[in-house]
C-alpha atoms as a PDB file:
ATOM      1  CA  UNK A   1       0.000   0.000   0.000  1.00  0.00           C
ATOM      2  CA  UNK A   2       1.534   3.266  -1.140  1.00  0.00           C
ATOM      3  CA  UNK A   3       2.188   5.858   1.570  1.00  0.00           C
ATOM      4  CA  UNK A   4       1.009   3.626   4.404  1.00  0.00           C
ATOM      5  CA  UNK A   5       4.323   3.123   6.161  1.00  0.00           C
ATOM      6  CA  UNK A   6       6.607   0.271   7.123  1.00  0.00           C
ATOM      7  CA  UNK A   7       4.064  -1.423   9.395  1.00  0.00           C
ATOM      8  CA  UNK A   8       1.563  -1.899   6.575  1.00  0.00           C
ATOM      9  CA  UNK A   9       4.283  -3.321   4.324  1.00  0.00           C
ATOM     10  CA  UNK A  10       5.284  -5.803   7.031  1.00  0.00           C
ATOM     11  CA  UNK A  11       1.653  -6.839   7.522  1.00  0.00           C
ATOM     12  CA  UNK A  12       1.129  -7.382   3.803  1.00  0.00           C
ATOM     13  CA  UNK A  13       4.276  -9.534   3.781  1.00  0.00           C
ATOM     14  CA  UNK A  14       2.792 -11.810   6.439  1.00  0.00           C
ATOM     15  CA  UNK A  15      -0.467 -12.524   4.615  1.00  0.00           C
ATOM     16  CA  UNK A  16       0.765 -15.026   1.987  1.00  0.00           C
ATOM     17  CA  UNK A  17       2.471 -17.127   4.661  1.00  0.00           C
ATOM     18  CA  UNK A  18      -0.235 -17.108   7.322  1.00  0.00           C
ATOM     19  CA  UNK A  19      -0.346 -20.892   7.714  1.00  0.00           C
ATOM     20  CA  UNK A  20       3.286 -21.689   6.967  1.00  0.00           C
ATOM     21  CA  UNK A  21       4.801 -20.431  10.232  1.00  0.00           C
ATOM     22  CA  UNK A  22       4.349 -21.509  13.802  1.00  0.00           C
ATOM     23  CA  UNK A  23       5.154 -19.159  16.637  1.00  0.00           C
ATOM     24  CA  UNK A  24       8.706 -18.655  15.486  1.00  0.00           C
ATOM     25  CA  UNK A  25      10.554 -15.371  15.641  1.00  0.00           C
ATOM     26  CA  UNK A  26      10.485 -13.098  12.628  1.00  0.00           C
ATOM     27  CA  UNK A  27      13.228 -10.614  11.891  1.00  0.00           C
ATOM     28  CA  UNK A  28      12.288  -7.548   9.896  1.00  0.00           C
ATOM     29  CA  UNK A  29      15.126  -5.590   8.319  1.00  0.00           C
ATOM     30  CA  UNK A  30      14.930  -2.518   6.111  1.00  0.00           C
ATOM     31  CA  UNK A  31      16.168  -3.032   2.565  1.00  0.00           C
ATOM     32  CA  UNK A  32      18.355   0.071   2.716  1.00  0.00           C
ATOM     33  CA  UNK A  33      20.893  -1.368   5.182  1.00  0.00           C
ATOM     34  CA  UNK A  34      23.344  -3.310   2.967  1.00  0.00           C
ATOM     35  CA  UNK A  35      26.205  -3.155   5.489  1.00  0.00           C
ATOM     36  CA  UNK A  36      24.392  -5.281   8.044  1.00  0.00           C
ATOM     37  CA  UNK A  37      26.484  -8.396   8.622  1.00  0.00           C
ATOM     38  CA  UNK A  38      25.478 -11.981   9.182  1.00  0.00           C
ATOM     39  CA  UNK A  39      27.322 -12.079  12.509  1.00  0.00           C
ATOM     40  CA  UNK A  40      25.472  -8.989  13.737  1.00  0.00           C
ATOM     41  CA  UNK A  41      22.131 -10.558  12.851  1.00  0.00           C
ATOM     42  CA  UNK A  42      23.065 -13.921  14.390  1.00  0.00           C
ATOM     43  CA  UNK A  43      24.094 -12.182  17.627  1.00  0.00           C
ATOM     44  CA  UNK A  44      20.883 -10.143  17.599  1.00  0.00           C
ATOM     45  CA  UNK A  45      18.610 -13.156  17.149  1.00  0.00           C
ATOM     46  CA  UNK A  46      20.546 -15.300  19.661  1.00  0.00           C
ATOM     47  CA  UNK A  47      20.330 -12.564  22.302  1.00  0.00           C
ATOM     48  CA  UNK A  48      16.616 -12.123  21.659  1.00  0.00           C
ATOM     49  CA  UNK A  49      15.923 -15.844  21.953  1.00  0.00           C
ATOM     50  CA  UNK A  50      17.972 -16.145  25.153  1.00  0.00           C
ATOM     51  CA  UNK A  51      16.134 -13.184  26.710  1.00  0.00           C
ATOM     52  CA  UNK A  52      12.734 -14.848  26.501  1.00  0.00           C
ATOM     53  CA  UNK A  53      11.218 -11.489  25.553  1.00  0.00           C
ATOM     54  CA  UNK A  54       8.396 -11.209  23.042  1.00  0.00           C
ATOM     55  CA  UNK A  55      10.561  -9.042  20.833  1.00  0.00           C
ATOM     56  CA  UNK A  56      13.843  -7.220  20.494  1.00  0.00           C
ATOM     57  CA  UNK A  57      15.093  -4.022  18.931  1.00  0.00           C
ATOM     58  CA  UNK A  58      18.632  -3.619  17.616  1.00  0.00           C
ATOM     59  CA  UNK A  59      20.067  -0.495  19.252  1.00  0.00           C
ATOM     60  CA  UNK A  60      23.049   1.788  18.643  1.00  0.00           C
ATOM     61  CA  UNK A  61      24.388   4.834  20.478  1.00  0.00           C
ATOM     62  CA  UNK A  62      22.278   7.863  19.527  1.00  0.00           C
ATOM     63  CA  UNK A  63      23.840  10.851  17.787  1.00  0.00           C
ATOM     64  CA  UNK A  64      22.318  14.294  17.350  1.00  0.00           C
ATOM     65  CA  UNK A  65      22.535  14.224  13.572  1.00  0.00           C
ATOM     66  CA  UNK A  66      21.156  10.754  12.866  1.00  0.00           C
ATOM     67  CA  UNK A  67      17.688  10.052  11.567  1.00  0.00           C
ATOM     68  CA  UNK A  68      17.063   7.027  13.765  1.00  0.00           C
ATOM     69  CA  UNK A  69      14.260   6.906  16.311  1.00  0.00           C
ATOM     70  CA  UNK A  70      15.157   7.080  19.995  1.00  0.00           C
ATOM     71  CA  UNK A  71      14.576   4.216  22.399  1.00  0.00           C
ATOM     72  CA  UNK A  72      12.607   5.008  25.532  1.00  0.00           C
ATOM     73  CA  UNK A  73      13.876   2.552  28.122  1.00  0.00           C
ATOM     74  CA  UNK A  74      11.556   0.297  30.066  1.00  0.00           C
ATOM     75  CA  UNK A  75      11.513  -0.161  33.849  1.00  0.00           C
ATOM     76  CA  UNK A  76      13.921  -3.097  33.768  1.00  0.00           C
ATOM     77  CA  UNK A  77      17.496  -2.795  32.453  1.00  0.00           C
ATOM     78  CA  UNK A  78      17.812  -3.724  28.784  1.00  0.00           C
ATOM     79  CA  UNK A  79      14.107  -3.377  28.081  1.00  0.00           C
ATOM     80  CA  UNK A  80      12.332  -0.973  25.770  1.00  0.00           C
ATOM     81  CA  UNK A  81       9.053   0.821  26.435  1.00  0.00           C
ATOM     82  CA  UNK A  82       8.716   2.449  23.012  1.00  0.00           C
ATOM     83  CA  UNK A  83      10.578   3.925  20.075  1.00  0.00           C
ATOM     84  CA  UNK A  84      10.090   7.612  19.380  1.00  0.00           C
ATOM     85  CA  UNK A  85      10.389   8.298  15.650  1.00  0.00           C
ATOM     86  CA  UNK A  86      13.007  10.725  14.414  1.00  0.00           C
ATOM     87  CA  UNK A  87      10.344  13.290  13.531  1.00  0.00           C
ATOM     88  CA  UNK A  88       8.979  13.374  17.096  1.00  0.00           C
ATOM     89  CA  UNK A  89      12.131  12.991  19.160  1.00  0.00           C
ATOM     90  CA  UNK A  90      14.378  15.482  20.852  1.00  0.00           C
ATOM     91  CA  UNK A  91      18.153  15.395  20.614  1.00  0.00           C
ATOM     92  CA  UNK A  92      18.755  13.693  23.942  1.00  0.00           C
ATOM     93  CA  UNK A  93      21.579  11.158  24.148  1.00  0.00           C
ATOM     94  CA  UNK A  94      20.927   7.494  24.737  1.00  0.00           C
ATOM     95  CA  UNK A  95      20.115   4.659  22.388  1.00  0.00           C
ATOM     96  CA  UNK A  96      18.645   4.799  18.916  1.00  0.00           C
ATOM     97  CA  UNK A  97      16.642   2.064  17.228  1.00  0.00           C
ATOM     98  CA  UNK A  98      18.831   0.760  14.424  1.00  0.00           C
ATOM     99  CA  UNK A  99      15.936  -0.657  12.423  1.00  0.00           C
ATOM    100  CA  UNK A 100      15.942  -4.450  12.700  1.00  0.00           C
ATOM    101  CA  UNK A 101      13.186  -5.831  14.901  1.00  0.00           C
ATOM    102  CA  UNK A 102      12.746  -9.441  16.000  1.00  0.00           C
ATOM    103  CA  UNK A 103       9.257 -10.414  17.213  1.00  0.00           C
ATOM    104  CA  UNK A 104       7.324 -13.587  17.842  1.00  0.00           C
ATOM    105  CA  UNK A 105       5.229 -14.199  14.756  1.00  0.00           C
ATOM    106  CA  UNK A 106       1.960 -14.720  16.632  1.00  0.00           C
ATOM    107  CA  UNK A 107       2.249 -11.238  18.174  1.00  0.00           C
ATOM    108  CA  UNK A 108       3.314  -9.269  15.122  1.00  0.00           C
ATOM    109  CA  UNK A 109       0.149  -9.094  12.998  1.00  0.00           C
ATOM    110  CA  UNK A 110      -2.193  -8.282  15.923  1.00  0.00           C
ATOM    111  CA  UNK A 111       0.229  -5.588  17.130  1.00  0.00           C
ATOM    112  CA  UNK A 112       0.481  -4.031  13.662  1.00  0.00           C
ATOM    113  CA  UNK A 113      -3.312  -3.883  13.419  1.00  0.00           C
ATOM    114  CA  UNK A 114      -3.384  -1.850  16.664  1.00  0.00           C
ATOM    115  CA  UNK A 115      -0.896   0.775  15.462  1.00  0.00           C
ATOM    116  CA  UNK A 116      -2.228   4.266  14.910  1.00  0.00           C
ATOM    117  CA  UNK A 117      -0.711   6.577  12.270  1.00  0.00           C
ATOM    118  CA  UNK A 118       1.987   8.973  13.364  1.00  0.00           C
ATOM    119  CA  UNK A 119       0.453  12.380  14.117  1.00  0.00           C
ATOM    120  CA  UNK A 120       2.997  14.317  12.048  1.00  0.00           C
ATOM    121  CA  UNK A 121       3.609  12.006   9.090  1.00  0.00           C
ATOM    122  CA  UNK A 122       0.362  10.041   8.918  1.00  0.00           C
ATOM    123  CA  UNK A 123       2.385   6.861   8.347  1.00  0.00           C
ATOM    124  CA  UNK A 124       2.082   3.567  10.198  1.00  0.00           C
ATOM    125  CA  UNK A 125       5.632   3.068  11.496  1.00  0.00           C
ATOM    126  CA  UNK A 126       6.677  -0.501  12.329  1.00  0.00           C
ATOM    127  CA  UNK A 127       8.588   0.614  15.425  1.00  0.00           C
ATOM    128  CA  UNK A 128       5.205   1.438  16.996  1.00  0.00           C
ATOM    129  CA  UNK A 129       4.677  -2.299  17.597  1.00  0.00           C
ATOM    130  CA  UNK A 130       7.081  -1.923  20.527  1.00  0.00           C
ATOM    131  CA  UNK A 131       4.707   0.403  22.378  1.00  0.00           C
ATOM    132  CA  UNK A 132       1.665  -1.708  21.461  1.00  0.00           C
ATOM    133  CA  UNK A 133       3.284  -4.873  22.801  1.00  0.00           C
ATOM    134  CA  UNK A 134       4.626  -3.293  26.003  1.00  0.00           C
ATOM    135  CA  UNK A 135       1.204  -1.765  26.686  1.00  0.00           C
ATOM    136  CA  UNK A 136      -0.222  -5.297  26.396  1.00  0.00           C
ATOM    137  CA  UNK A 137       2.254  -6.532  29.015  1.00  0.00           C
ATOM    138  CA  UNK A 138       4.885  -8.087  26.747  1.00  0.00           C
ATOM    139  CA  UNK A 139       8.578  -7.477  27.297  1.00  0.00           C
ATOM    140  CA  UNK A 140      10.714  -6.019  24.500  1.00  0.00           C
ATOM    141  CA  UNK A 141      14.479  -6.102  24.910  1.00  0.00           C
ATOM    142  CA  UNK A 142      17.221  -4.103  23.268  1.00  0.00           C
ATOM    143  CA  UNK A 143      20.438  -5.499  21.854  1.00  0.00           C
ATOM    144  CA  UNK A 144      23.087  -2.801  21.688  1.00  0.00           C
ATOM    145  CA  UNK A 145      25.742  -2.559  18.982  1.00  0.00           C
ATOM    146  CA  UNK A 146      28.887  -0.580  19.704  1.00  0.00           C
ATOM    147  CA  UNK A 147      28.799   1.159  16.335  1.00  0.00           C
ATOM    148  CA  UNK A 148      26.057   2.305  14.002  1.00  0.00           C
ATOM    149  CA  UNK A 149      28.212   1.700  10.912  1.00  0.00           C
ATOM    150  CA  UNK A 150      26.581  -1.648  10.016  1.00  0.00           C
ATOM    151  CA  UNK A 151      23.043  -0.316  10.258  1.00  0.00           C
ATOM    152  CA  UNK A 152      23.483   3.090   8.650  1.00  0.00           C
ATOM    153  CA  UNK A 153      20.605   3.530   6.203  1.00  0.00           C
ATOM    154  CA  UNK A 154      21.495   4.257   2.594  1.00  0.00           C
ATOM    155  CA  UNK A 155      19.211   7.007   1.323  1.00  0.00           C
ATOM    156  CA  UNK A 156      21.163   8.641  -1.517  1.00  0.00           C
ATOM    157  CA  UNK A 157      23.874   7.910  -4.066  1.00  0.00           C
ATOM    158  CA  UNK A 158      26.759   9.330  -2.014  1.00  0.00           C
ATOM    159  CA  UNK A 159      25.917   6.975   0.873  1.00  0.00           C
ATOM    160  CA  UNK A 160      25.545   4.121  -1.613  1.00  0.00           C
ATOM    161  CA  UNK A 161      29.020   4.792  -3.024  1.00  0.00           C
ATOM    162  CA  UNK A 162      30.515   4.795   0.485  1.00  0.00           C
ATOM    163  CA  UNK A 163      28.689   1.543   1.341  1.00  0.00           C
ATOM    164  CA  UNK A 164      29.929  -0.044  -1.880  1.00  0.00           C
ATOM    165  CA  UNK A 165      33.518   0.796  -0.884  1.00  0.00           C
ATOM    166  CA  UNK A 166      33.009  -0.801   2.548  1.00  0.00           C
ATOM    167  CA  UNK A 167      31.543  -3.952   1.004  1.00  0.00           C
ATOM    168  CA  UNK A 168      34.398  -4.134  -1.507  1.00  0.00           C
ATOM    169  CA  UNK A 169      36.951  -3.790   1.329  1.00  0.00           C
ATOM    170  CA  UNK A 170      35.214  -6.489   3.378  1.00  0.00           C
ATOM    171  CA  UNK A 171      35.117  -8.840   0.392  1.00  0.00           C
ATOM    172  CA  UNK A 172      38.770  -8.241  -0.458  1.00  0.00           C
ATOM    173  CA  UNK A 173      39.815  -8.771   3.167  1.00  0.00           C
ATOM    174  CA  UNK A 174      37.863 -12.038   3.407  1.00  0.00           C
ATOM    175  CA  UNK A 175      39.565 -13.376   0.278  1.00  0.00           C
ATOM    176  CA  UNK A 176      43.004 -12.201   1.408  1.00  0.00           C
ATOM    177  CA  UNK A 177      42.546 -14.042   4.719  1.00  0.00           C
ATOM    178  CA  UNK A 178      41.963 -17.180   2.642  1.00  0.00           C
ATOM    179  CA  UNK A 179      45.284 -16.665   0.863  1.00  0.00           C
ATOM    180  CA  UNK A 180      44.049 -15.109  -2.375  1.00  0.00           C
END
């Protein structure tokens, strides 16, 4: 659905597979994060599964100039109450939501259906599932990365060129470590 937001896209992606999944965890990752590594995602999912929480948000240190939403911490250490979108947040330090979200499949679609559009943008932002689930009594954890480099969104050609150089360097290094 055009102009509906990331939550509506995620919901439409669940529909064709409604009967093919049990209550497994689903990881949702934005397509504009090509630097995200397999090891980062494996660590993220493993931490989430070990936590026993209903969901997890990948977090990075917040910077004043980034466009990532801010994490509002929950009562318990390492938990998240909600994610405040970049449009609505202040410039306070803390953690930013890096984008990837891991949530139990059975909770995702009902939570998305309860999301209300953002007051300023009118979009249904997927990060709002965090607040919906915590309001329903579910725990959402955060998994913190030391650096935001792997999750930096690519939104224009200059960023794409820089990401391409990083990927090329990573590929070359991997082959050189194998003796090539």
